């Protein structure tokens, strides 16, 4: 499994928006500057995220981008699947080769299936809000709720 720059940058953009959730639209240039993402590439990623319903975009001088849903409802699995596609391919091996030991292939495919399920479970258990909470705890920020 390999996460490309598309997945990495897209996740960083979503995390940036999650940290500013409720503050109104955030301009691409601001996200790009904070996250070190080329602005043109970021705009392409934001289009993908908007089409998937994760981001809303507003035009105009006061426009920008914001999460379409609360950070508590967007998981890393959902975001990465939108950006990268399936985490691991459904089939473990190449279909053009017929193994002489079918049981060997079946056992290896079983391992890939277990690995995929484990990764997907973990990514599904982490939301953008969880990342925000982790950052606040590492920054030593204190949140007061009334």
Protein backbone atom coordinates (compact mmCIF):
# COMPACT_ATOMS: atom_id res chain seq x y z
CA UNK A 1 0.00 0.00 0.00
CA UNK A 2 1.28 3.40 -0.92
CA UNK A 3 -0.38 6.75 -0.35
CA UNK A 4 0.42 9.15 -3.20
CA UNK A 5 0.80 12.91 -2.94
CA UNK A 6 -2.87 13.10 -3.95
CA UNK A 7 -3.91 11.27 -0.78
CA UNK A 8 -1.39 13.00 1.43
CA UNK A 9 -2.09 16.54 0.22
CA UNK A 10 -5.84 15.96 0.08
CA UNK A 11 -5.88 14.70 3.65
CA UNK A 12 -3.79 17.67 4.78
CA UNK A 13 -6.23 20.04 3.07
CA UNK A 14 -9.19 18.39 4.80
CA UNK A 15 -7.35 18.52 8.14
CA UNK A 16 -6.65 22.22 7.59
CA UNK A 17 -10.33 22.86 6.92
CA UNK A 18 -11.31 20.76 9.94
CA UNK A 19 -9.12 22.87 12.21
CA UNK A 20 -10.97 25.97 11.01
CA UNK A 21 -14.44 24.42 10.93
CA UNK A 22 -17.11 27.01 11.70
CA UNK A 23 -14.89 29.96 10.77
CA UNK A 24 -16.33 30.37 7.28
CA UNK A 25 -14.75 29.83 3.87
CA UNK A 26 -10.97 29.38 3.73
CA UNK A 27 -9.14 30.45 0.58
CA UNK A 28 -7.01 27.96 -1.33
CA UNK A 29 -3.92 30.12 -1.05
CA UNK A 30 -4.15 30.09 2.74
CA UNK A 31 -4.47 26.30 2.87
CA UNK A 32 -1.65 25.87 0.35
CA UNK A 33 0.63 28.18 2.32
CA UNK A 34 0.04 26.48 5.68
CA UNK A 35 0.25 22.94 4.32
CA UNK A 36 3.02 23.38 1.74
CA UNK A 37 0.83 22.24 -1.16
CA UNK A 38 1.18 23.76 -4.65
CA UNK A 39 -1.97 25.89 -5.06
CA UNK A 40 -2.86 24.58 -8.54
CA UNK A 41 -2.62 20.98 -7.36
CA UNK A 42 -4.63 21.83 -4.25
CA UNK A 43 -7.40 23.32 -6.41
CA UNK A 44 -7.61 20.08 -8.39
CA UNK A 45 -7.87 18.09 -5.16
CA UNK A 46 -10.55 20.41 -3.79
CA UNK A 47 -12.63 19.82 -6.94
CA UNK A 48 -12.41 16.06 -6.33
CA UNK A 49 -13.35 16.52 -2.68
CA UNK A 50 -16.25 18.82 -3.61
CA UNK A 51 -17.62 16.33 -6.13
CA UNK A 52 -17.49 13.66 -3.42
CA UNK A 53 -19.47 15.85 -1.04
CA UNK A 54 -16.70 16.38 1.49
CA UNK A 55 -16.02 20.06 0.70
CA UNK A 56 -18.17 23.01 -0.30
CA UNK A 57 -16.77 25.86 -2.37
CA UNK A 58 -18.02 29.44 -2.48
CA UNK A 59 -17.06 31.89 -5.21
CA UNK A 60 -16.37 35.58 -4.90
CA UNK A 61 -14.07 37.81 -2.89
CA UNK A 62 -15.32 36.33 0.40
CA UNK A 63 -15.34 32.83 -1.06
CA UNK A 64 -13.23 29.82 -0.32
CA UNK A 65 -13.65 26.26 0.85
CA UNK A 66 -15.16 24.64 3.91
CA UNK A 67 -16.08 21.16 5.03
CA UNK A 68 -19.49 20.05 3.80
CA UNK A 69 -20.04 18.09 7.02
CA UNK A 70 -18.74 18.33 10.54
CA UNK A 71 -15.24 16.94 11.17
CA UNK A 72 -16.73 14.30 13.49
CA UNK A 73 -18.48 12.66 10.51
CA UNK A 74 -15.61 12.49 8.02
CA UNK A 75 -13.32 9.49 8.46
CA UNK A 76 -9.85 9.03 7.06
CA UNK A 77 -11.13 5.97 5.21
CA UNK A 78 -13.77 8.01 3.42
CA UNK A 79 -11.30 10.76 2.53
CA UNK A 80 -8.56 8.43 1.31
CA UNK A 81 -10.99 6.32 -0.68
CA UNK A 82 -12.20 9.45 -2.47
CA UNK A 83 -8.65 10.59 -3.16
CA UNK A 84 -6.88 7.28 -3.81
CA UNK A 85 -9.54 4.71 -4.61
CA UNK A 86 -9.53 1.33 -2.82
CA UNK A 87 -6.89 1.03 -0.10
CA UNK A 88 -5.69 -2.34 -1.41
CA UNK A 89 -6.84 -4.07 -4.58
CA UNK A 90 -9.64 -6.60 -4.17
CA UNK A 91 -7.59 -9.30 -5.83
CA UNK A 92 -4.21 -10.02 -4.32
CA UNK A 93 -2.39 -11.37 -7.34
CA UNK A 94 -2.12 -11.00 -11.05
CA UNK A 95 -4.92 -12.65 -13.00
CA UNK A 96 -2.84 -13.29 -16.09
CA UNK A 97 -0.73 -15.95 -14.36
CA UNK A 98 -2.15 -19.27 -13.24
CA UNK A 99 -0.33 -20.60 -10.19
CA UNK A 100 0.68 -24.22 -10.16
CA UNK A 101 -0.18 -24.26 -6.46
CA UNK A 102 -3.72 -22.77 -6.18
CA UNK A 103 -3.75 -23.21 -2.41
CA UNK A 104 -0.67 -21.00 -2.15
CA UNK A 105 -2.42 -18.20 -4.00
CA UNK A 106 -5.58 -18.65 -1.95
CA UNK A 107 -3.63 -18.35 1.31
CA UNK A 108 -1.77 -15.25 0.17
CA UNK A 109 -5.03 -13.70 -1.08
CA UNK A 110 -6.50 -14.40 2.35
CA UNK A 111 -3.64 -12.48 3.98
CA UNK A 112 -4.23 -9.50 1.64
CA UNK A 113 -7.93 -9.58 2.48
CA UNK A 114 -7.20 -9.60 6.23
CA UNK A 115 -4.70 -6.76 5.83
CA UNK A 116 -7.17 -4.69 3.82
CA UNK A 117 -9.89 -5.24 6.45
CA UNK A 118 -7.54 -4.23 9.28
CA UNK A 119 -6.39 -1.06 7.53
CA UNK A 120 -9.93 -0.10 6.57
CA UNK A 121 -11.18 -0.67 10.14
CA UNK A 122 -8.46 1.54 11.55
CA UNK A 123 -8.94 4.34 9.02
CA UNK A 124 -12.72 4.18 9.55
CA UNK A 125 -12.17 4.66 13.28
CA UNK A 126 -10.32 7.97 12.88
CA UNK A 127 -12.19 11.16 12.03
CA UNK A 128 -10.92 14.60 11.11
CA UNK A 129 -12.06 15.72 14.55
CA UNK A 130 -9.88 13.03 16.13
CA UNK A 131 -6.88 14.54 14.32
CA UNK A 132 -7.86 18.00 15.58
CA UNK A 133 -8.06 16.67 19.13
CA UNK A 134 -4.66 15.01 18.79
CA UNK A 135 -3.15 18.27 17.59
CA UNK A 136 -4.71 20.24 20.46
CA UNK A 137 -3.39 17.74 23.01
CA UNK A 138 0.11 17.91 21.54
CA UNK A 139 0.00 21.70 21.40
CA UNK A 140 -1.10 21.78 25.03
CA UNK A 141 -4.19 23.75 24.07
CA UNK A 142 -6.99 23.74 26.58
CA UNK A 143 -10.58 23.70 25.37
CA UNK A 144 -13.28 25.01 27.69
CA UNK A 145 -16.85 23.89 27.11
CA UNK A 146 -19.81 25.63 28.66
